[in-house]
Amino acid sequence: MPSNKLEKPEKQDVNDNVKVVVRCRPFNQKEKMMNHKQAVIVDEIRGTITVNKLETPHEPPKTFTFDTVFGPDSKQLDVYNLTARPIIDSVLEGYNGTIFAYGQTGTGKTFTMEGVRAVPELRGIIPNSFAHVFGHIAKAEGDTRFLVRVSYLEIYNEEVRDLLGKDQLQRLEVKERPDVGVYIKDLSGYVVNNADDMDRIMTMGHKNRSDKDQSLSLHTGQCHLCPGFIRRKLQDHDGRVEV
């Protein structure tokens, strides 16, 4: 949901404030073995999902409309191109953007957001965004340079913790300032130069989270993981650098 201009880009689509996208995953192996029946019908053209109550077939189905819907056969790259790519493009033009995956445990959030990073066609939104950002930077013309800084935090029971900090158990505070808006005080960040750097930072955050979870016996279903990056464009004009 792109919003909040950081600098004045030349153009911006006014219709992309908040969009809701639903992706329905296929049956897993256990569900297939138990002969589960499909309860939802996905119409990707109309953007609707129809829910049938299998236990009460006499009741009429309910249909819900969303900005975009994806069926069980949807591909990772299609999901990225149709939903995340416009947001990343907006970020690269100078807007804030957020992609938030929501759903109960087992619905496929991690697969959609992360996927299988070692297999190109199975990469999720996060690794695809890494490649997108640095692909854009590589094509920058003239004296334009970019600075990309990455942070990775976890929200657990309304407590914010830094997954890249020295102490992952330290509780961080959410603050707000007129000049920068809402921010996390003392949240660490790393400057990265390419997609591989970002991937290594994400792996480090995962490891820190795993170590912390084992020490605290946390349940992952109650955690919200928020990897993010800040991009700054620096351009030289007659010896002056504009940010």
C-alpha atoms as a PDB file:
ATOM      1  CA  MET A   1       0.000   0.000   0.000  1.00  0.00           C
ATOM      2  CA  PRO A   2       2.126   2.861  -1.253  1.00  0.00           C
ATOM      3  CA  SER A   3       1.627   6.195   0.492  1.00  0.00           C
ATOM      4  CA  ASN A   4       3.459   8.990   2.280  1.00  0.00           C
ATOM      5  CA  LYS A   5       5.621  10.824  -0.227  1.00  0.00           C
ATOM      6  CA  LEU A   6       9.290  11.045   0.744  1.00  0.00           C
ATOM      7  CA  GLU A   7      10.185  13.286  -2.182  1.00  0.00           C
ATOM      8  CA  LYS A   8       8.270  14.573  -5.161  1.00  0.00           C
ATOM      9  CA  PRO A   9       8.288  12.048  -8.001  1.00  0.00           C
ATOM     10  CA  GLU A  10       7.130  12.981 -11.470  1.00  0.00           C
ATOM     11  CA  LYS A  11       4.024  10.814 -11.373  1.00  0.00           C
ATOM     12  CA  GLN A  12       2.075   8.509  -9.103  1.00  0.00           C
ATOM     13  CA  ASP A  13      -1.096   6.471  -9.573  1.00  0.00           C
ATOM     14  CA  VAL A  14      -3.717   7.898  -7.211  1.00  0.00           C
ATOM     15  CA  ASN A  15      -5.670   4.639  -7.118  1.00  0.00           C
ATOM     16  CA  ASP A  16      -3.143   2.524  -5.233  1.00  0.00           C
ATOM     17  CA  ASN A  17      -3.519   3.562  -1.595  1.00  0.00           C
ATOM     18  CA  VAL A  18      -4.597   0.218  -0.080  1.00  0.00           C
ATOM     19  CA  LYS A  19      -5.273  -2.982  -1.988  1.00  0.00           C
ATOM     20  CA  VAL A  20      -6.442  -6.318  -0.623  1.00  0.00           C
ATOM     21  CA  VAL A  21      -5.231  -9.473  -2.353  1.00  0.00           C
ATOM     22  CA  VAL A  22      -6.261 -13.034  -1.492  1.00  0.00           C
ATOM     23  CA  ARG A  23      -4.319 -16.139  -2.446  1.00  0.00           C
ATOM     24  CA  CYS A  24      -5.870 -19.572  -1.926  1.00  0.00           C
ATOM     25  CA  ARG A  25      -3.327 -22.334  -1.500  1.00  0.00           C
ATOM     26  CA  PRO A  26      -3.735 -25.886  -2.851  1.00  0.00           C
ATOM     27  CA  PHE A  27      -4.413 -28.861  -0.599  1.00  0.00           C
ATOM     28  CA  ASN A  28      -1.384 -30.192   1.229  1.00  0.00           C
ATOM     29  CA  GLN A  29      -0.564 -33.896   1.242  1.00  0.00           C
ATOM     30  CA  LYS A  30      -2.397 -34.570   4.496  1.00  0.00           C
ATOM     31  CA  GLU A  31      -5.561 -32.884   3.239  1.00  0.00           C
ATOM     32  CA  LYS A  32      -5.410 -34.915   0.034  1.00  0.00           C
ATOM     33  CA  MET A  33      -5.054 -38.166   1.974  1.00  0.00           C
ATOM     34  CA  MET A  34      -8.085 -37.218   4.080  1.00  0.00           C
ATOM     35  CA  ASN A  35     -10.113 -36.528   0.907  1.00  0.00           C
ATOM     36  CA  HIS A  36     -10.942 -32.963   1.864  1.00  0.00           C
ATOM     37  CA  LYS A  37     -13.373 -31.175  -0.429  1.00  0.00           C
ATOM     38  CA  GLN A  38     -12.787 -27.771  -2.000  1.00  0.00           C
ATOM     39  CA  ALA A  39     -14.933 -25.181  -0.198  1.00  0.00           C
ATOM     40  CA  VAL A  40     -13.940 -22.093  -2.175  1.00  0.00           C
ATOM     41  CA  ILE A  41     -14.236 -21.134  -5.821  1.00  0.00           C
ATOM     42  CA  VAL A  42     -11.739 -18.558  -7.090  1.00  0.00           C
ATOM     43  CA  ASP A  43     -12.621 -16.353 -10.066  1.00  0.00           C
ATOM     44  CA  GLU A  44      -9.402 -14.539 -10.952  1.00  0.00           C
ATOM     45  CA  ILE A  45     -11.029 -12.583 -13.787  1.00  0.00           C
ATOM     46  CA  ARG A  46     -13.789 -11.079 -11.643  1.00  0.00           C
ATOM     47  CA  GLY A  47     -11.655 -10.907  -8.509  1.00  0.00           C
ATOM     48  CA  THR A  48     -14.127 -12.913  -6.428  1.00  0.00           C
ATOM     49  CA  ILE A  49     -13.995 -15.807  -3.988  1.00  0.00           C
ATOM     50  CA  THR A  50     -17.124 -17.855  -3.380  1.00  0.00           C
ATOM     51  CA  VAL A  51     -17.319 -19.816  -0.129  1.00  0.00           C
ATOM     52  CA  ASN A  52     -19.557 -22.875   0.105  1.00  0.00           C
ATOM     53  CA  LYS A  53     -20.610 -24.321   3.451  1.00  0.00           C
ATOM     54  CA  LEU A  54     -20.033 -27.999   2.786  1.00  0.00           C
ATOM     55  CA  GLU A  55     -21.584 -29.070   6.084  1.00  0.00           C
ATOM     56  CA  THR A  56     -24.808 -27.200   5.266  1.00  0.00           C
ATOM     57  CA  PRO A  57     -25.225 -27.485   1.480  1.00  0.00           C
ATOM     58  CA  HIS A  58     -28.754 -26.042   1.615  1.00  0.00           C
ATOM     59  CA  GLU A  59     -27.349 -22.638   2.550  1.00  0.00           C
ATOM     60  CA  PRO A  60     -26.511 -20.348  -0.373  1.00  0.00           C
ATOM     61  CA  PRO A  61     -22.799 -19.672  -0.952  1.00  0.00           C
ATOM     62  CA  LYS A  62     -21.298 -16.305  -0.089  1.00  0.00           C
ATOM     63  CA  THR A  63     -19.220 -14.358  -2.594  1.00  0.00           C
ATOM     64  CA  PHE A  64     -16.570 -11.787  -1.683  1.00  0.00           C
ATOM     65  CA  THR A  65     -14.827  -9.341  -4.016  1.00  0.00           C
ATOM     66  CA  PHE A  66     -11.199  -8.247  -3.657  1.00  0.00           C
ATOM     67  CA  ASP A  67      -8.755  -6.163  -5.677  1.00  0.00           C
ATOM     68  CA  THR A  68      -6.983  -9.316  -6.870  1.00  0.00           C
ATOM     69  CA  VAL A  69      -7.410 -13.024  -6.161  1.00  0.00           C
ATOM     70  CA  PHE A  70      -5.150 -15.971  -6.918  1.00  0.00           C
ATOM     71  CA  GLY A  71      -6.187 -19.596  -7.161  1.00  0.00           C
ATOM     72  CA  PRO A  72      -4.322 -22.720  -6.021  1.00  0.00           C
ATOM     73  CA  ASP A  73      -2.367 -22.942  -9.292  1.00  0.00           C
ATOM     74  CA  SER A  74      -0.955 -19.409  -9.124  1.00  0.00           C
ATOM     75  CA  LYS A  75       2.772 -18.931  -9.708  1.00  0.00           C
ATOM     76  CA  GLN A  76       5.140 -17.030  -7.426  1.00  0.00           C
ATOM     77  CA  LEU A  77       6.304 -14.631 -10.138  1.00  0.00           C
ATOM     78  CA  ASP A  78       2.725 -13.843 -11.187  1.00  0.00           C
ATOM     79  CA  VAL A  79       1.851 -12.992  -7.592  1.00  0.00           C
ATOM     80  CA  TYR A  80       4.893 -10.723  -7.382  1.00  0.00           C
ATOM     81  CA  ASN A  81       4.334  -8.954 -10.686  1.00  0.00           C
ATOM     82  CA  LEU A  82       0.646  -8.287 -10.110  1.00  0.00           C
ATOM     83  CA  THR A  83       0.768  -7.281  -6.454  1.00  0.00           C
ATOM     84  CA  ALA A  84       4.222  -6.408  -5.148  1.00  0.00           C
ATOM     85  CA  ARG A  85       5.996  -4.998  -8.203  1.00  0.00           C
ATOM     86  CA  PRO A  86       3.834  -1.822  -8.367  1.00  0.00           C
ATOM     87  CA  ILE A  87       4.565  -1.150  -4.686  1.00  0.00           C
ATOM     88  CA  ILE A  88       8.319  -1.585  -5.115  1.00  0.00           C
ATOM     89  CA  ASP A  89       8.170   0.677  -8.178  1.00  0.00           C
ATOM     90  CA  SER A  90       6.469   3.289  -5.998  1.00  0.00           C
ATOM     91  CA  VAL A  91       9.162   2.947  -3.327  1.00  0.00           C
ATOM     92  CA  LEU A  92      11.820   3.484  -5.971  1.00  0.00           C
ATOM     93  CA  GLU A  93      10.009   6.663  -7.019  1.00  0.00           C
ATOM     94  CA  GLY A  94      10.123   8.019  -3.472  1.00  0.00           C
ATOM     95  CA  TYR A  95       7.028   6.713  -1.690  1.00  0.00           C
ATOM     96  CA  ASN A  96       6.692   4.543   1.393  1.00  0.00           C
ATOM     97  CA  GLY A  97       5.249   1.104   0.738  1.00  0.00           C
ATOM     98  CA  THR A  98       4.128  -1.833   2.858  1.00  0.00           C
ATOM     99  CA  ILE A  99       3.294  -5.423   1.936  1.00  0.00           C
ATOM    100  CA  PHE A 100       1.605  -7.206   4.829  1.00  0.00           C
ATOM    101  CA  ALA A 101       0.741 -10.922   4.728  1.00  0.00           C
ATOM    102  CA  TYR A 102      -2.081 -11.953   7.049  1.00  0.00           C
ATOM    103  CA  GLY A 103      -3.632 -15.343   7.728  1.00  0.00           C
ATOM    104  CA  GLN A 104      -3.822 -18.172  10.198  1.00  0.00           C
ATOM    105  CA  THR A 105      -1.018 -20.698  10.634  1.00  0.00           C
ATOM    106  CA  GLY A 106      -0.654 -23.009   7.645  1.00  0.00           C
ATOM    107  CA  THR A 107      -2.297 -20.803   5.026  1.00  0.00           C
ATOM    108  CA  GLY A 108       0.879 -20.179   3.042  1.00  0.00           C
ATOM    109  CA  LYS A 109       2.097 -16.766   4.234  1.00  0.00           C
ATOM    110  CA  THR A 110       5.737 -17.824   4.477  1.00  0.00           C
ATOM    111  CA  PHE A 111       5.679 -19.471   1.059  1.00  0.00           C
ATOM    112  CA  THR A 112       4.153 -16.377  -0.539  1.00  0.00           C
ATOM    113  CA  MET A 113       6.520 -13.942   1.165  1.00  0.00           C
ATOM    114  CA  GLU A 114       9.740 -15.993   1.172  1.00  0.00           C
ATOM    115  CA  GLY A 115       9.198 -19.097  -0.926  1.00  0.00           C
ATOM    116  CA  VAL A 116      12.187 -21.298  -1.720  1.00  0.00           C
ATOM    117  CA  ARG A 117      15.048 -18.877  -2.254  1.00  0.00           C
ATOM    118  CA  ALA A 118      17.332 -21.481  -3.864  1.00  0.00           C
ATOM    119  CA  VAL A 119      14.810 -22.169  -6.651  1.00  0.00           C
ATOM    120  CA  PRO A 120      14.220 -19.101  -8.879  1.00  0.00           C
ATOM    121  CA  GLU A 121      10.642 -19.958  -9.884  1.00  0.00           C
ATOM    122  CA  LEU A 122       9.685 -20.604  -6.248  1.00  0.00           C
ATOM    123  CA  ARG A 123      11.111 -17.401  -4.784  1.00  0.00           C
ATOM    124  CA  GLY A 124       8.603 -15.321  -2.871  1.00  0.00           C
ATOM    125  CA  ILE A 125       7.868 -11.622  -2.686  1.00  0.00           C
ATOM    126  CA  ILE A 126      10.808 -10.719  -0.432  1.00  0.00           C
ATOM    127  CA  PRO A 127      13.671 -12.213  -2.499  1.00  0.00           C
ATOM    128  CA  ASN A 128      12.019 -11.063  -5.725  1.00  0.00           C
ATOM    129  CA  SER A 129      11.871  -7.535  -4.335  1.00  0.00           C
ATOM    130  CA  PHE A 130      15.601  -7.696  -3.567  1.00  0.00           C
ATOM    131  CA  ALA A 131      16.364  -8.488  -7.208  1.00  0.00           C
ATOM    132  CA  HIS A 132      13.905  -5.821  -8.367  1.00  0.00           C
ATOM    133  CA  VAL A 133      15.463  -3.055  -6.255  1.00  0.00           C
ATOM    134  CA  PHE A 134      19.032  -3.698  -7.284  1.00  0.00           C
ATOM    135  CA  GLY A 135      18.060  -4.288 -10.893  1.00  0.00           C
ATOM    136  CA  HIS A 136      16.583  -0.783 -10.870  1.00  0.00           C
ATOM    137  CA  ILE A 137      19.672   0.678  -9.205  1.00  0.00           C
ATOM    138  CA  ALA A 138      21.950  -0.945 -11.789  1.00  0.00           C
ATOM    139  CA  LYS A 139      20.092   0.933 -14.533  1.00  0.00           C
ATOM    140  CA  ALA A 140      20.370   4.350 -12.849  1.00  0.00           C
ATOM    141  CA  GLU A 141      21.688   6.984 -15.216  1.00  0.00           C
ATOM    142  CA  GLY A 142      24.119   9.856 -14.785  1.00  0.00           C
ATOM    143  CA  ASP A 143      25.391  10.718 -11.322  1.00  0.00           C
ATOM    144  CA  THR A 144      22.425   9.193  -9.499  1.00  0.00           C
ATOM    145  CA  ARG A 145      23.433   6.881  -6.659  1.00  0.00           C
ATOM    146  CA  PHE A 146      21.349   4.889  -4.207  1.00  0.00           C
ATOM    147  CA  LEU A 147      21.855   3.978  -0.566  1.00  0.00           C
ATOM    148  CA  VAL A 148      19.894   0.934   0.643  1.00  0.00           C
ATOM    149  CA  ARG A 149      19.656   0.249   4.361  1.00  0.00           C
ATOM    150  CA  VAL A 150      17.988  -2.895   5.743  1.00  0.00           C
ATOM    151  CA  SER A 151      16.301  -3.587   9.092  1.00  0.00           C
ATOM    152  CA  TYR A 152      14.501  -6.682  10.368  1.00  0.00           C
ATOM    153  CA  LEU A 153      12.188  -6.631  13.368  1.00  0.00           C
ATOM    154  CA  GLU A 154       9.708  -8.920  15.069  1.00  0.00           C
ATOM    155  CA  ILE A 155       6.452  -7.999  16.789  1.00  0.00           C
ATOM    156  CA  TYR A 156       5.460 -10.531  19.435  1.00  0.00           C
ATOM    157  CA  ASN A 157       2.609  -9.879  21.887  1.00  0.00           C
ATOM    158  CA  GLU A 158       2.796  -6.162  21.017  1.00  0.00           C
ATOM    159  CA  GLU A 159       6.510  -6.080  21.843  1.00  0.00           C
ATOM    160  CA  VAL A 160       9.007  -5.008  19.187  1.00  0.00           C
ATOM    161  CA  ARG A 161      12.390  -6.720  18.997  1.00  0.00           C
ATOM    162  CA  ASP A 162      15.343  -6.177  16.666  1.00  0.00           C
ATOM    163  CA  LEU A 163      16.353  -9.398  14.900  1.00  0.00           C
ATOM    164  CA  LEU A 164      19.605  -7.840  13.691  1.00  0.00           C
ATOM    165  CA  GLY A 165      20.621  -6.230  16.980  1.00  0.00           C
ATOM    166  CA  LYS A 166      23.108  -7.473  19.541  1.00  0.00           C
ATOM    167  CA  ASP A 167      20.320  -8.214  22.032  1.00  0.00           C
ATOM    168  CA  GLN A 168      17.239  -9.747  20.381  1.00  0.00           C
ATOM    169  CA  LEU A 169      15.448  -9.814  23.744  1.00  0.00           C
ATOM    170  CA  GLN A 170      15.589  -6.034  24.155  1.00  0.00           C
ATOM    171  CA  ARG A 171      12.200  -4.381  23.775  1.00  0.00           C
ATOM    172  CA  LEU A 172      12.219  -1.423  21.419  1.00  0.00           C
ATOM    173  CA  GLU A 173       9.944   1.601  21.543  1.00  0.00           C
ATOM    174  CA  VAL A 174       7.732   2.908  18.758  1.00  0.00           C
ATOM    175  CA  LYS A 175       8.165   6.669  18.414  1.00  0.00           C
ATOM    176  CA  GLU A 176       6.867   9.426  16.172  1.00  0.00           C
ATOM    177  CA  ARG A 177       8.460  12.637  14.941  1.00  0.00           C
ATOM    178  CA  PRO A 178       7.004  15.323  12.682  1.00  0.00           C
ATOM    179  CA  ASP A 179       9.937  15.120  10.271  1.00  0.00           C
ATOM    180  CA  VAL A 180      10.160  11.327   9.872  1.00  0.00           C
ATOM    181  CA  GLY A 181       6.791  10.022  11.075  1.00  0.00           C
ATOM    182  CA  VAL A 182       6.547   6.728  12.976  1.00  0.00           C
ATOM    183  CA  TYR A 183       9.837   4.937  13.628  1.00  0.00           C
ATOM    184  CA  ILE A 184      11.408   2.336  15.931  1.00  0.00           C
ATOM    185  CA  LYS A 185      13.896   3.846  18.362  1.00  0.00           C
ATOM    186  CA  ASP A 186      17.337   2.156  18.366  1.00  0.00           C
ATOM    187  CA  LEU A 187      16.422  -0.221  15.527  1.00  0.00           C
ATOM    188  CA  SER A 188      19.637  -1.367  13.865  1.00  0.00           C
ATOM    189  CA  GLY A 189      20.217  -1.268  10.142  1.00  0.00           C
ATOM    190  CA  TYR A 190      22.772  -2.490   7.632  1.00  0.00           C
ATOM    191  CA  VAL A 191      23.821  -0.813   4.402  1.00  0.00           C
ATOM    192  CA  VAL A 192      23.688  -3.354   1.567  1.00  0.00           C
ATOM    193  CA  ASN A 193      25.130  -3.220  -1.935  1.00  0.00           C
ATOM    194  CA  ASN A 194      23.351  -6.045  -3.741  1.00  0.00           C
ATOM    195  CA  ALA A 195      20.603  -8.655  -3.485  1.00  0.00           C
ATOM    196  CA  ASP A 196      22.994 -11.237  -2.047  1.00  0.00           C
ATOM    197  CA  ASP A 197      23.800  -8.866   0.826  1.00  0.00           C
ATOM    198  CA  MET A 198      20.091  -8.507   1.573  1.00  0.00           C
ATOM    199  CA  ASP A 199      19.632 -12.259   1.433  1.00  0.00           C
ATOM    200  CA  ARG A 200      22.465 -12.779   3.927  1.00  0.00           C
ATOM    201  CA  ILE A 201      20.948 -10.193   6.278  1.00  0.00           C
ATOM    202  CA  MET A 202      17.589 -11.949   6.095  1.00  0.00           C
ATOM    203  CA  THR A 203      19.225 -15.302   6.828  1.00  0.00           C
ATOM    204  CA  MET A 204      20.956 -13.782   9.849  1.00  0.00           C
ATOM    205  CA  GLY A 205      17.636 -12.424  11.109  1.00  0.00           C
ATOM    206  CA  HIS A 206      16.040 -15.856  10.726  1.00  0.00           C
ATOM    207  CA  LYS A 207      18.845 -17.459  12.704  1.00  0.00           C
ATOM    208  CA  ASN A 208      18.622 -14.883  15.484  1.00  0.00           C
ATOM    209  CA  ARG A 209      14.892 -15.394  15.650  1.00  0.00           C
ATOM    210  CA  SER A 210      15.264 -19.176  15.821  1.00  0.00           C
ATOM    211  CA  ASP A 211      17.839 -18.943  18.618  1.00  0.00           C
ATOM    212  CA  LYS A 212      15.635 -16.538  20.561  1.00  0.00           C
ATOM    213  CA  ASP A 213      12.510 -18.649  20.088  1.00  0.00           C
ATOM    214  CA  GLN A 214      14.275 -21.706  21.461  1.00  0.00           C
ATOM    215  CA  SER A 215      15.374 -19.828  24.562  1.00  0.00           C
ATOM    216  CA  LEU A 216      11.915 -18.377  25.201  1.00  0.00           C
ATOM    217  CA  SER A 217       9.760 -21.225  23.809  1.00  0.00           C
ATOM    218  CA  LEU A 218       7.824 -18.742  21.657  1.00  0.00           C
ATOM    219  CA  HIS A 219       5.065 -19.851  19.325  1.00  0.00           C
ATOM    220  CA  THR A 220       5.591 -18.609  15.787  1.00  0.00           C
ATOM    221  CA  GLY A 221       1.893 -18.171  15.133  1.00  0.00           C
ATOM    222  CA  GLN A 222       1.876 -15.152  17.430  1.00  0.00           C
ATOM    223  CA  CYS A 223       4.821 -13.395  15.766  1.00  0.00           C
ATOM    224  CA  HIS A 224       4.874 -10.784  13.029  1.00  0.00           C
ATOM    225  CA  LEU A 225       8.148 -10.560  11.099  1.00  0.00           C
ATOM    226  CA  CYS A 226       8.848  -7.259   9.383  1.00  0.00           C
ATOM    227  CA  PRO A 227      11.858  -7.140   7.082  1.00  0.00           C
ATOM    228  CA  GLY A 228      12.220  -3.747   5.481  1.00  0.00           C
ATOM    229  CA  PHE A 229      14.583  -1.494   3.628  1.00  0.00           C
ATOM    230  CA  ILE A 230      15.075   2.236   3.232  1.00  0.00           C
ATOM    231  CA  ARG A 231      16.297   3.608  -0.052  1.00  0.00           C
ATOM    232  CA  ARG A 232      17.890   6.998  -0.515  1.00  0.00           C
ATOM    233  CA  LYS A 233      18.651   8.539  -3.893  1.00  0.00           C
ATOM    234  CA  LEU A 234      21.636  10.841  -4.082  1.00  0.00           C
ATOM    235  CA  GLN A 235      22.064  12.976  -7.182  1.00  0.00           C
ATOM    236  CA  ASP A 236      24.916  15.357  -7.985  1.00  0.00           C
ATOM    237  CA  HIS A 237      23.896  18.729  -9.435  1.00  0.00           C
ATOM    238  CA  ASP A 238      26.782  21.079 -10.231  1.00  0.00           C
ATOM    239  CA  GLY A 239      28.820  19.822  -7.313  1.00  0.00           C
ATOM    240  CA  ARG A 240      25.864  19.732  -4.930  1.00  0.00           C
ATOM    241  CA  VAL A 241      24.444  16.452  -3.660  1.00  0.00           C
ATOM    242  CA  GLU A 242      20.671  16.224  -3.260  1.00  0.00           C
ATOM    243  CA  VAL A 243      19.049  13.479  -1.185  1.00  0.00           C
END
